[in-house]
């Protein structure tokens, strides 16, 4: 059975009292976590790896807007199961601030707090629609440096070793040690090259994970297709980052280190974004066309003639 939702304007979707309650709850939530918002905005502004954090809340609101008709039609009720989640989130906030002294867990506690508030005030039907946009906000929370390095360093080594393999296929003399490269140019000059943290691809990875989650949520597709679309962002980003490092290293091969140090690194980082997006869209298109629904009415079999009691076809004498 296919549900048909009435498309209502935002200002007419709910009663005025509902909007007042939402405004009050939003004010209380922001007042409780205002000190955390200041730290988040400062991190987005200072660290270029998390500059996309400014867009994540807007994207989250857009994801809710795409399911607005379903949200309006959803059954709303008070659910007491949300209270334990709210209380647990507040306890994590207090414990992380006073005992652990880490702001990361404080910031993470805002996500289950939002989930608990929605569940308590609106019920599971509304939470089923809004939990993805709420969890989506996790992509805007900068992870600690020690965890970031544990993610970035293996990607740096992968980019360095993959670049070595690709250039050796072109008969380039190149040695690799962890994330350090030693490239012998066509003139015989040896260029040391370091695949630094900025070249790990983590920044692009976070952006494409956010994009793939949005695409998986907006399109109506089976769960396994959504998971494939989300997890495909990892190999796509890694492939594009390897190509970027290889193109940068090629400048050292042809004795143009000034291009490899500045221009090619920035240019290739931007130039590979469209191909990465096309790969993601191509994968989405391919999964959308894996199964083609057929119309039963167009495939009706031709009824066989009714037998007249004899084995001979009509009009033929025995």
C-alpha atoms as a PDB file:
ATOM      1  CA  UNK A   1       0.000   0.000   0.000  1.00  0.00           C
ATOM      2  CA  UNK A   2       1.442   3.376  -1.006  1.00  0.00           C
ATOM      3  CA  UNK A   3       0.859   6.254   1.387  1.00  0.00           C
ATOM      4  CA  UNK A   4      -0.102   9.598  -0.120  1.00  0.00           C
ATOM      5  CA  UNK A   5       0.859  12.622   1.972  1.00  0.00           C
ATOM      6  CA  UNK A   6      -0.737  16.004   1.641  1.00  0.00           C
ATOM      7  CA  UNK A   7       1.765  18.674   0.719  1.00  0.00           C
ATOM      8  CA  UNK A   8       1.215  21.391   3.306  1.00  0.00           C
ATOM      9  CA  UNK A   9       3.147  24.670   3.620  1.00  0.00           C
ATOM     10  CA  UNK A  10       5.497  24.902   6.583  1.00  0.00           C
ATOM     11  CA  UNK A  11       3.427  27.584   8.278  1.00  0.00           C
ATOM     12  CA  UNK A  12       0.259  25.450   8.061  1.00  0.00           C
ATOM     13  CA  UNK A  13       1.691  22.016   8.850  1.00  0.00           C
ATOM     14  CA  UNK A  14       1.287  22.212  12.643  1.00  0.00           C
ATOM     15  CA  UNK A  15      -0.740  24.224  15.093  1.00  0.00           C
ATOM     16  CA  UNK A  16       0.668  27.377  16.634  1.00  0.00           C
ATOM     17  CA  UNK A  17       1.124  25.675  20.019  1.00  0.00           C
ATOM     18  CA  UNK A  18       3.406  23.065  18.441  1.00  0.00           C
ATOM     19  CA  UNK A  19       5.674  25.755  17.004  1.00  0.00           C
ATOM     20  CA  UNK A  20       5.767  27.517  20.375  1.00  0.00           C
ATOM     21  CA  UNK A  21       6.811  24.295  22.120  1.00  0.00           C
ATOM     22  CA  UNK A  22       9.501  23.626  19.525  1.00  0.00           C
ATOM     23  CA  UNK A  23      10.813  27.186  19.908  1.00  0.00           C
ATOM     24  CA  UNK A  24      10.942  26.882  23.716  1.00  0.00           C
ATOM     25  CA  UNK A  25      12.718  23.506  23.587  1.00  0.00           C
ATOM     26  CA  UNK A  26      15.176  24.790  20.978  1.00  0.00           C
ATOM     27  CA  UNK A  27      15.894  27.825  23.160  1.00  0.00           C
ATOM     28  CA  UNK A  28      16.539  25.631  26.215  1.00  0.00           C
ATOM     29  CA  UNK A  29      18.737  23.249  24.217  1.00  0.00           C
ATOM     30  CA  UNK A  30      20.797  26.089  22.755  1.00  0.00           C
ATOM     31  CA  UNK A  31      21.069  27.759  26.147  1.00  0.00           C
ATOM     32  CA  UNK A  32      22.390  24.564  27.716  1.00  0.00           C
ATOM     33  CA  UNK A  33      24.927  23.982  24.950  1.00  0.00           C
ATOM     34  CA  UNK A  34      25.791  27.525  23.889  1.00  0.00           C
ATOM     35  CA  UNK A  35      29.299  27.204  25.312  1.00  0.00           C
ATOM     36  CA  UNK A  36      29.780  24.155  23.123  1.00  0.00           C
ATOM     37  CA  UNK A  37      28.542  25.923  20.005  1.00  0.00           C
ATOM     38  CA  UNK A  38      31.224  28.555  20.502  1.00  0.00           C
ATOM     39  CA  UNK A  39      33.955  25.891  20.544  1.00  0.00           C
ATOM     40  CA  UNK A  40      32.490  24.122  17.513  1.00  0.00           C
ATOM     41  CA  UNK A  41      32.336  27.318  15.442  1.00  0.00           C
ATOM     42  CA  UNK A  42      35.905  28.178  16.462  1.00  0.00           C
ATOM     43  CA  UNK A  43      37.055  24.720  15.337  1.00  0.00           C
ATOM     44  CA  UNK A  44      35.264  25.048  11.988  1.00  0.00           C
ATOM     45  CA  UNK A  45      36.831  28.467  11.437  1.00  0.00           C
ATOM     46  CA  UNK A  46      40.405  27.585  12.431  1.00  0.00           C
ATOM     47  CA  UNK A  47      40.839  24.010  11.198  1.00  0.00           C
ATOM     48  CA  UNK A  48      40.383  23.656   7.396  1.00  0.00           C
ATOM     49  CA  UNK A  49      39.732  19.917   7.829  1.00  0.00           C
ATOM     50  CA  UNK A  50      36.426  20.780   9.526  1.00  0.00           C
ATOM     51  CA  UNK A  51      35.375  23.876   7.600  1.00  0.00           C
ATOM     52  CA  UNK A  52      32.473  21.827   6.193  1.00  0.00           C
ATOM     53  CA  UNK A  53      30.948  21.934   9.685  1.00  0.00           C
ATOM     54  CA  UNK A  54      29.195  25.191   8.786  1.00  0.00           C
ATOM     55  CA  UNK A  55      27.188  23.348   6.114  1.00  0.00           C
ATOM     56  CA  UNK A  56      26.265  20.216   8.072  1.00  0.00           C
ATOM     57  CA  UNK A  57      23.460  21.789  10.209  1.00  0.00           C
ATOM     58  CA  UNK A  58      21.967  23.382   7.080  1.00  0.00           C
ATOM     59  CA  UNK A  59      22.150  20.050   5.270  1.00  0.00           C
ATOM     60  CA  UNK A  60      20.488  18.378   8.239  1.00  0.00           C
ATOM     61  CA  UNK A  61      17.590  20.840   8.075  1.00  0.00           C
ATOM     62  CA  UNK A  62      17.291  20.165   4.355  1.00  0.00           C
ATOM     63  CA  UNK A  63      17.085  16.420   4.992  1.00  0.00           C
ATOM     64  CA  UNK A  64      14.189  17.040   7.363  1.00  0.00           C
ATOM     65  CA  UNK A  65      12.545  19.259   4.755  1.00  0.00           C
ATOM     66  CA  UNK A  66      12.710  16.461   2.154  1.00  0.00           C
ATOM     67  CA  UNK A  67      10.562  14.298   4.467  1.00  0.00           C
ATOM     68  CA  UNK A  68       8.310  17.136   5.595  1.00  0.00           C
ATOM     69  CA  UNK A  69       5.082  15.545   4.342  1.00  0.00           C
ATOM     70  CA  UNK A  70       5.871  12.302   6.158  1.00  0.00           C
ATOM     71  CA  UNK A  71       6.752  14.255   9.280  1.00  0.00           C
ATOM     72  CA  UNK A  72       3.424  16.091   9.216  1.00  0.00           C
ATOM     73  CA  UNK A  73       1.480  12.853   8.701  1.00  0.00           C
ATOM     74  CA  UNK A  74       3.372  10.929  11.417  1.00  0.00           C
ATOM     75  CA  UNK A  75       1.549   9.999  14.612  1.00  0.00           C
ATOM     76  CA  UNK A  76       2.806  12.106  17.520  1.00  0.00           C
ATOM     77  CA  UNK A  77       2.622  11.084  21.155  1.00  0.00           C
ATOM     78  CA  UNK A  78       4.603  11.319  24.370  1.00  0.00           C
ATOM     79  CA  UNK A  79       6.972   8.363  24.799  1.00  0.00           C
ATOM     80  CA  UNK A  80       8.488   7.854  28.248  1.00  0.00           C
ATOM     81  CA  UNK A  81      11.378   5.851  26.779  1.00  0.00           C
ATOM     82  CA  UNK A  82      12.890   9.172  25.785  1.00  0.00           C
ATOM     83  CA  UNK A  83      13.407  10.249  29.408  1.00  0.00           C
ATOM     84  CA  UNK A  84      16.194   7.706  30.204  1.00  0.00           C
ATOM     85  CA  UNK A  85      18.010   8.765  27.034  1.00  0.00           C
ATOM     86  CA  UNK A  86      17.769  12.432  28.027  1.00  0.00           C
ATOM     87  CA  UNK A  87      18.987  11.766  31.566  1.00  0.00           C
ATOM     88  CA  UNK A  88      21.835   9.531  30.365  1.00  0.00           C
ATOM     89  CA  UNK A  89      22.956  12.177  27.871  1.00  0.00           C
ATOM     90  CA  UNK A  90      23.033  14.831  30.600  1.00  0.00           C
ATOM     91  CA  UNK A  91      25.040  12.511  32.850  1.00  0.00           C
ATOM     92  CA  UNK A  92      27.552  11.910  30.054  1.00  0.00           C
ATOM     93  CA  UNK A  93      27.823  15.678  29.575  1.00  0.00           C
ATOM     94  CA  UNK A  94      28.523  16.282  33.281  1.00  0.00           C
ATOM     95  CA  UNK A  95      30.916  13.322  33.591  1.00  0.00           C
ATOM     96  CA  UNK A  96      32.862  14.252  30.441  1.00  0.00           C
ATOM     97  CA  UNK A  97      33.266  17.857  31.556  1.00  0.00           C
ATOM     98  CA  UNK A  98      34.124  17.406  35.236  1.00  0.00           C
ATOM     99  CA  UNK A  99      35.801  13.984  35.293  1.00  0.00           C
ATOM    100  CA  UNK A 100      37.265  13.344  31.833  1.00  0.00           C
ATOM    101  CA  UNK A 101      37.960  16.951  30.944  1.00  0.00           C
ATOM    102  CA  UNK A 102      37.338  16.354  27.240  1.00  0.00           C
ATOM    103  CA  UNK A 103      35.075  18.518  25.148  1.00  0.00           C
ATOM    104  CA  UNK A 104      34.637  15.868  22.470  1.00  0.00           C
ATOM    105  CA  UNK A 105      32.396  13.664  24.638  1.00  0.00           C
ATOM    106  CA  UNK A 106      30.527  16.777  25.743  1.00  0.00           C
ATOM    107  CA  UNK A 107      29.818  17.610  22.124  1.00  0.00           C
ATOM    108  CA  UNK A 108      28.865  14.022  21.307  1.00  0.00           C
ATOM    109  CA  UNK A 109      26.330  14.017  24.147  1.00  0.00           C
ATOM    110  CA  UNK A 110      24.243  16.574  22.252  1.00  0.00           C
ATOM    111  CA  UNK A 111      23.263  13.980  19.640  1.00  0.00           C
ATOM    112  CA  UNK A 112      21.607  11.411  21.976  1.00  0.00           C
ATOM    113  CA  UNK A 113      20.123  14.352  23.891  1.00  0.00           C
ATOM    114  CA  UNK A 114      18.359  15.493  20.721  1.00  0.00           C
ATOM    115  CA  UNK A 115      17.233  11.943  19.962  1.00  0.00           C
ATOM    116  CA  UNK A 116      15.841  11.556  23.473  1.00  0.00           C
ATOM    117  CA  UNK A 117      13.972  14.870  23.297  1.00  0.00           C
ATOM    118  CA  UNK A 118      12.363  13.951  19.968  1.00  0.00           C
ATOM    119  CA  UNK A 119      11.421  10.483  21.213  1.00  0.00           C
ATOM    120  CA  UNK A 120       9.957  11.782  24.475  1.00  0.00           C
ATOM    121  CA  UNK A 121       7.922  14.622  23.002  1.00  0.00           C
ATOM    122  CA  UNK A 122       6.941  13.176  19.610  1.00  0.00           C
ATOM    123  CA  UNK A 123       7.165   9.404  19.814  1.00  0.00           C
ATOM    124  CA  UNK A 124       8.868   6.684  17.740  1.00  0.00           C
ATOM    125  CA  UNK A 125       7.036   7.544  14.496  1.00  0.00           C
ATOM    126  CA  UNK A 126       8.613  10.999  14.348  1.00  0.00           C
ATOM    127  CA  UNK A 127      11.987   9.684  15.527  1.00  0.00           C
ATOM    128  CA  UNK A 128      11.979   7.140  12.696  1.00  0.00           C
ATOM    129  CA  UNK A 129      11.863  10.031  10.224  1.00  0.00           C
ATOM    130  CA  UNK A 130      14.272  12.407  11.962  1.00  0.00           C
ATOM    131  CA  UNK A 131      16.975  10.186  13.442  1.00  0.00           C
ATOM    132  CA  UNK A 132      19.162  10.266  10.306  1.00  0.00           C
ATOM    133  CA  UNK A 133      19.258  14.100  10.089  1.00  0.00           C
ATOM    134  CA  UNK A 134      20.041  14.224  13.819  1.00  0.00           C
ATOM    135  CA  UNK A 135      22.844  11.627  13.687  1.00  0.00           C
ATOM    136  CA  UNK A 136      24.057  13.396  10.530  1.00  0.00           C
ATOM    137  CA  UNK A 137      25.194  16.226  12.824  1.00  0.00           C
ATOM    138  CA  UNK A 138      28.002  13.967  14.068  1.00  0.00           C
ATOM    139  CA  UNK A 139      29.895  14.804  10.871  1.00  0.00           C
ATOM    140  CA  UNK A 140      30.197  18.402  12.094  1.00  0.00           C
ATOM    141  CA  UNK A 141      31.914  17.475  15.380  1.00  0.00           C
ATOM    142  CA  UNK A 142      35.731  17.554  15.071  1.00  0.00           C
ATOM    143  CA  UNK A 143      37.372  14.418  16.388  1.00  0.00           C
ATOM    144  CA  UNK A 144      40.379  14.624  18.761  1.00  0.00           C
ATOM    145  CA  UNK A 145      43.799  15.069  17.193  1.00  0.00           C
ATOM    146  CA  UNK A 146      45.049  11.685  18.404  1.00  0.00           C
ATOM    147  CA  UNK A 147      42.118   9.911  16.749  1.00  0.00           C
ATOM    148  CA  UNK A 148      42.450  12.043  13.629  1.00  0.00           C
ATOM    149  CA  UNK A 149      46.104  11.051  13.276  1.00  0.00           C
ATOM    150  CA  UNK A 150      45.271   7.368  13.642  1.00  0.00           C
ATOM    151  CA  UNK A 151      42.894   7.731  10.696  1.00  0.00           C
ATOM    152  CA  UNK A 152      45.092  10.039   8.616  1.00  0.00           C
ATOM    153  CA  UNK A 153      48.437   8.227   8.931  1.00  0.00           C
ATOM    154  CA  UNK A 154      47.319   4.917   7.325  1.00  0.00           C
ATOM    155  CA  UNK A 155      45.748   6.920   4.497  1.00  0.00           C
ATOM    156  CA  UNK A 156      49.022   8.816   4.055  1.00  0.00           C
ATOM    157  CA  UNK A 157      50.936   5.548   3.768  1.00  0.00           C
ATOM    158  CA  UNK A 158      48.375   4.126   1.355  1.00  0.00           C
ATOM    159  CA  UNK A 159      48.663   7.187  -0.880  1.00  0.00           C
ATOM    160  CA  UNK A 160      52.473   7.021  -0.795  1.00  0.00           C
ATOM    161  CA  UNK A 161      52.691   3.298  -1.628  1.00  0.00           C
ATOM    162  CA  UNK A 162      50.016   3.502  -4.319  1.00  0.00           C
ATOM    163  CA  UNK A 163      51.778   6.454  -5.924  1.00  0.00           C
ATOM    164  CA  UNK A 164      54.997   4.440  -5.902  1.00  0.00           C
ATOM    165  CA  UNK A 165      53.320   1.561  -7.719  1.00  0.00           C
ATOM    166  CA  UNK A 166      51.774   3.822 -10.364  1.00  0.00           C
ATOM    167  CA  UNK A 167      54.976   5.720 -11.067  1.00  0.00           C
ATOM    168  CA  UNK A 168      57.067   2.552 -11.236  1.00  0.00           C
ATOM    169  CA  UNK A 169      54.726   1.334 -13.954  1.00  0.00           C
ATOM    170  CA  UNK A 170      55.930   4.382 -15.915  1.00  0.00           C
ATOM    171  CA  UNK A 171      59.597   3.419 -15.284  1.00  0.00           C
ATOM    172  CA  UNK A 172      60.116   6.157 -12.697  1.00  0.00           C
ATOM    173  CA  UNK A 173      62.821   5.500 -10.101  1.00  0.00           C
ATOM    174  CA  UNK A 174      61.100   6.007  -6.764  1.00  0.00           C
ATOM    175  CA  UNK A 175      61.600   4.694  -3.225  1.00  0.00           C
ATOM    176  CA  UNK A 176      59.087   4.753  -0.410  1.00  0.00           C
ATOM    177  CA  UNK A 177      59.463   4.598   3.357  1.00  0.00           C
ATOM    178  CA  UNK A 178      56.200   4.864   5.275  1.00  0.00           C
ATOM    179  CA  UNK A 179      54.748   8.126   3.899  1.00  0.00           C
ATOM    180  CA  UNK A 180      58.062   9.496   2.596  1.00  0.00           C
ATOM    181  CA  UNK A 181      58.997   9.306  -1.093  1.00  0.00           C
ATOM    182  CA  UNK A 182      62.332   9.702  -2.826  1.00  0.00           C
ATOM    183  CA  UNK A 183      61.821  10.488  -6.517  1.00  0.00           C
ATOM    184  CA  UNK A 184      64.533  10.517  -9.159  1.00  0.00           C
ATOM    185  CA  UNK A 185      63.573  12.976 -11.883  1.00  0.00           C
ATOM    186  CA  UNK A 186      64.241  12.629 -15.607  1.00  0.00           C
ATOM    187  CA  UNK A 187      67.352  14.786 -15.173  1.00  0.00           C
ATOM    188  CA  UNK A 188      68.706  12.483 -12.453  1.00  0.00           C
ATOM    189  CA  UNK A 189      67.953  14.802  -9.563  1.00  0.00           C
ATOM    190  CA  UNK A 190      66.610  13.213  -6.391  1.00  0.00           C
ATOM    191  CA  UNK A 191      63.553  14.917  -4.862  1.00  0.00           C
ATOM    192  CA  UNK A 192      62.441  14.022  -1.332  1.00  0.00           C
ATOM    193  CA  UNK A 193      58.668  14.175  -0.980  1.00  0.00           C
ATOM    194  CA  UNK A 194      56.554  13.757   2.122  1.00  0.00           C
ATOM    195  CA  UNK A 195      52.866  12.826   1.970  1.00  0.00           C
ATOM    196  CA  UNK A 196      51.781  15.014   4.859  1.00  0.00           C
ATOM    197  CA  UNK A 197      48.604  14.910   6.910  1.00  0.00           C
ATOM    198  CA  UNK A 198      46.895  17.419   4.633  1.00  0.00           C
ATOM    199  CA  UNK A 199      47.334  14.939   1.758  1.00  0.00           C
ATOM    200  CA  UNK A 200      45.736  12.042   3.634  1.00  0.00           C
ATOM    201  CA  UNK A 201      42.307  12.720   2.124  1.00  0.00           C
ATOM    202  CA  UNK A 202      40.463  12.823   5.453  1.00  0.00           C
ATOM    203  CA  UNK A 203      38.964  16.210   4.627  1.00  0.00           C
ATOM    204  CA  UNK A 204      37.558  14.936   1.328  1.00  0.00           C
ATOM    205  CA  UNK A 205      36.452  11.733   3.017  1.00  0.00           C
ATOM    206  CA  UNK A 206      34.331  13.568   5.579  1.00  0.00           C
ATOM    207  CA  UNK A 207      32.734  15.696   2.864  1.00  0.00           C
ATOM    208  CA  UNK A 208      31.877  12.716   0.661  1.00  0.00           C
ATOM    209  CA  UNK A 209      30.564  10.680   3.586  1.00  0.00           C
ATOM    210  CA  UNK A 210      28.207  13.568   4.331  1.00  0.00           C
ATOM    211  CA  UNK A 211      27.170  13.733   0.680  1.00  0.00           C
ATOM    212  CA  UNK A 212      26.606   9.977   0.383  1.00  0.00           C
ATOM    213  CA  UNK A 213      24.531   9.903   3.574  1.00  0.00           C
ATOM    214  CA  UNK A 214      22.371  12.717   2.211  1.00  0.00           C
ATOM    215  CA  UNK A 215      21.890  10.923  -1.111  1.00  0.00           C
ATOM    216  CA  UNK A 216      21.039   7.652   0.633  1.00  0.00           C
ATOM    217  CA  UNK A 217      18.480   9.369   2.855  1.00  0.00           C
ATOM    218  CA  UNK A 218      16.757  11.458   0.202  1.00  0.00           C
ATOM    219  CA  UNK A 219      16.274   8.664  -2.348  1.00  0.00           C
ATOM    220  CA  UNK A 220      13.800   5.895  -1.592  1.00  0.00           C
ATOM    221  CA  UNK A 221      15.831   2.720  -1.975  1.00  0.00           C
ATOM    222  CA  UNK A 222      16.407  -0.581  -0.120  1.00  0.00           C
ATOM    223  CA  UNK A 223      18.543  -0.501   3.006  1.00  0.00           C
ATOM    224  CA  UNK A 224      21.396  -2.471   1.415  1.00  0.00           C
ATOM    225  CA  UNK A 225      21.612   0.064  -1.406  1.00  0.00           C
ATOM    226  CA  UNK A 226      21.814   2.908   1.093  1.00  0.00           C
ATOM    227  CA  UNK A 227      24.648   1.142   2.921  1.00  0.00           C
ATOM    228  CA  UNK A 228      26.503   0.503  -0.343  1.00  0.00           C
ATOM    229  CA  UNK A 229      26.151   4.158  -1.291  1.00  0.00           C
ATOM    230  CA  UNK A 230      27.461   5.339   2.086  1.00  0.00           C
ATOM    231  CA  UNK A 231      30.415   2.957   2.315  1.00  0.00           C
ATOM    232  CA  UNK A 232      31.371   3.548  -1.331  1.00  0.00           C
ATOM    233  CA  UNK A 233      32.482   7.052  -0.358  1.00  0.00           C
ATOM    234  CA  UNK A 234      35.580   5.536   1.261  1.00  0.00           C
ATOM    235  CA  UNK A 235      37.119   3.817  -1.817  1.00  0.00           C
ATOM    236  CA  UNK A 236      36.068   6.685  -4.102  1.00  0.00           C
ATOM    237  CA  UNK A 237      37.786   9.245  -1.886  1.00  0.00           C
ATOM    238  CA  UNK A 238      40.872   7.071  -1.485  1.00  0.00           C
ATOM    239  CA  UNK A 239      41.162   6.576  -5.250  1.00  0.00           C
ATOM    240  CA  UNK A 240      40.863  10.298  -5.970  1.00  0.00           C
ATOM    241  CA  UNK A 241      43.399  11.139  -3.271  1.00  0.00           C
ATOM    242  CA  UNK A 242      45.878   8.610  -4.717  1.00  0.00           C
ATOM    243  CA  UNK A 243      45.486  10.227  -8.144  1.00  0.00           C
ATOM    244  CA  UNK A 244      46.046  13.661  -6.612  1.00  0.00           C
ATOM    245  CA  UNK A 245      49.262  12.583  -4.878  1.00  0.00           C
ATOM    246  CA  UNK A 246      50.438  10.837  -8.059  1.00  0.00           C
ATOM    247  CA  UNK A 247      49.820  13.961 -10.146  1.00  0.00           C
ATOM    248  CA  UNK A 248      51.683  16.051  -7.582  1.00  0.00           C
ATOM    249  CA  UNK A 249      54.622  13.627  -7.556  1.00  0.00           C
ATOM    250  CA  UNK A 250      54.720  13.722 -11.354  1.00  0.00           C
ATOM    251  CA  UNK A 251      55.699  17.395 -11.182  1.00  0.00           C
ATOM    252  CA  UNK A 252      58.837  16.347  -9.308  1.00  0.00           C
ATOM    253  CA  UNK A 253      59.528  13.668 -11.925  1.00  0.00           C
ATOM    254  CA  UNK A 254      59.584  16.297 -14.689  1.00  0.00           C
ATOM    255  CA  UNK A 255      61.688  18.688 -12.547  1.00  0.00           C
ATOM    256  CA  UNK A 256      58.844  21.098 -11.795  1.00  0.00           C
ATOM    257  CA  UNK A 257      58.893  20.981  -7.980  1.00  0.00           C
ATOM    258  CA  UNK A 258      57.486  24.504  -7.700  1.00  0.00           C
ATOM    259  CA  UNK A 259      54.256  23.247  -9.286  1.00  0.00           C
ATOM    260  CA  UNK A 260      54.112  20.136  -7.150  1.00  0.00           C
ATOM    261  CA  UNK A 261      54.581  22.059  -3.929  1.00  0.00           C
ATOM    262  CA  UNK A 262      51.754  24.497  -4.443  1.00  0.00           C
ATOM    263  CA  UNK A 263      49.743  24.656  -7.658  1.00  0.00           C
ATOM    264  CA  UNK A 264      49.188  20.973  -8.484  1.00  0.00           C
ATOM    265  CA  UNK A 265      48.295  20.056  -4.910  1.00  0.00           C
ATOM    266  CA  UNK A 266      45.522  22.641  -4.772  1.00  0.00           C
ATOM    267  CA  UNK A 267      44.452  22.314  -8.401  1.00  0.00           C
ATOM    268  CA  UNK A 268      44.180  18.512  -8.364  1.00  0.00           C
ATOM    269  CA  UNK A 269      42.290  18.615  -5.087  1.00  0.00           C
ATOM    270  CA  UNK A 270      39.610  20.703  -6.809  1.00  0.00           C
ATOM    271  CA  UNK A 271      39.824  19.019 -10.222  1.00  0.00           C
ATOM    272  CA  UNK A 272      39.122  15.553  -8.817  1.00  0.00           C
ATOM    273  CA  UNK A 273      35.959  16.590  -6.988  1.00  0.00           C
ATOM    274  CA  UNK A 274      33.713  16.408 -10.098  1.00  0.00           C
ATOM    275  CA  UNK A 275      34.946  12.893 -11.097  1.00  0.00           C
ATOM    276  CA  UNK A 276      34.421  11.691  -7.520  1.00  0.00           C
ATOM    277  CA  UNK A 277      30.902  13.119  -7.529  1.00  0.00           C
ATOM    278  CA  UNK A 278      30.206  11.517 -10.910  1.00  0.00           C
ATOM    279  CA  UNK A 279      31.348   8.124  -9.582  1.00  0.00           C
ATOM    280  CA  UNK A 280      28.991   8.482  -6.637  1.00  0.00           C
ATOM    281  CA  UNK A 281      26.105   9.507  -8.911  1.00  0.00           C
ATOM    282  CA  UNK A 282      26.961   6.711 -11.348  1.00  0.00           C
ATOM    283  CA  UNK A 283      26.823   4.148  -8.572  1.00  0.00           C
ATOM    284  CA  UNK A 284      23.465   5.532  -7.480  1.00  0.00           C
ATOM    285  CA  UNK A 285      22.135   5.363 -11.061  1.00  0.00           C
ATOM    286  CA  UNK A 286      23.404   1.798 -11.512  1.00  0.00           C
ATOM    287  CA  UNK A 287      21.686   0.597  -8.336  1.00  0.00           C
ATOM    288  CA  UNK A 288      18.466   2.347  -9.355  1.00  0.00           C
ATOM    289  CA  UNK A 289      18.467   0.338 -12.610  1.00  0.00           C
ATOM    290  CA  UNK A 290      19.459  -3.051 -11.205  1.00  0.00           C
ATOM    291  CA  UNK A 291      15.834  -4.147 -11.026  1.00  0.00           C
ATOM    292  CA  UNK A 292      13.187  -3.150 -13.545  1.00  0.00           C
ATOM    293  CA  UNK A 293       9.589  -3.587 -12.496  1.00  0.00           C
ATOM    294  CA  UNK A 294       7.387  -5.113 -15.178  1.00  0.00           C
ATOM    295  CA  UNK A 295       3.712  -4.387 -15.671  1.00  0.00           C
ATOM    296  CA  UNK A 296       1.667  -7.533 -15.202  1.00  0.00           C
ATOM    297  CA  UNK A 297      -1.044  -6.182 -17.459  1.00  0.00           C
ATOM    298  CA  UNK A 298       1.360  -5.919 -20.377  1.00  0.00           C
ATOM    299  CA  UNK A 299       2.626  -9.477 -19.893  1.00  0.00           C
ATOM    300  CA  UNK A 300      -0.679 -11.337 -19.863  1.00  0.00           C
ATOM    301  CA  UNK A 301      -0.513 -14.662 -21.582  1.00  0.00           C
ATOM    302  CA  UNK A 302      -2.810 -15.325 -24.533  1.00  0.00           C
ATOM    303  CA  UNK A 303      -5.553 -17.677 -23.437  1.00  0.00           C
ATOM    304  CA  UNK A 304      -5.577 -21.053 -25.155  1.00  0.00           C
ATOM    305  CA  UNK A 305      -8.735 -21.950 -27.145  1.00  0.00           C
ATOM    306  CA  UNK A 306     -11.320 -23.923 -25.239  1.00  0.00           C
ATOM    307  CA  UNK A 307     -11.380 -27.573 -26.230  1.00  0.00           C
ATOM    308  CA  UNK A 308     -14.602 -28.792 -27.833  1.00  0.00           C
ATOM    309  CA  UNK A 309     -14.206 -32.301 -26.509  1.00  0.00           C
ATOM    310  CA  UNK A 310     -12.118 -33.646 -29.384  1.00  0.00           C
ATOM    311  CA  UNK A 311      -8.403 -33.782 -29.964  1.00  0.00           C
ATOM    312  CA  UNK A 312      -8.704 -32.147 -33.394  1.00  0.00           C
ATOM    313  CA  UNK A 313      -8.248 -28.414 -33.894  1.00  0.00           C
ATOM    314  CA  UNK A 314     -11.380 -26.477 -34.896  1.00  0.00           C
ATOM    315  CA  UNK A 315     -12.258 -26.539 -38.591  1.00  0.00           C
ATOM    316  CA  UNK A 316     -10.352 -29.776 -39.327  1.00  0.00           C
ATOM    317  CA  UNK A 317     -12.262 -32.952 -40.063  1.00  0.00           C
ATOM    318  CA  UNK A 318     -11.109 -36.243 -38.694  1.00  0.00           C
END
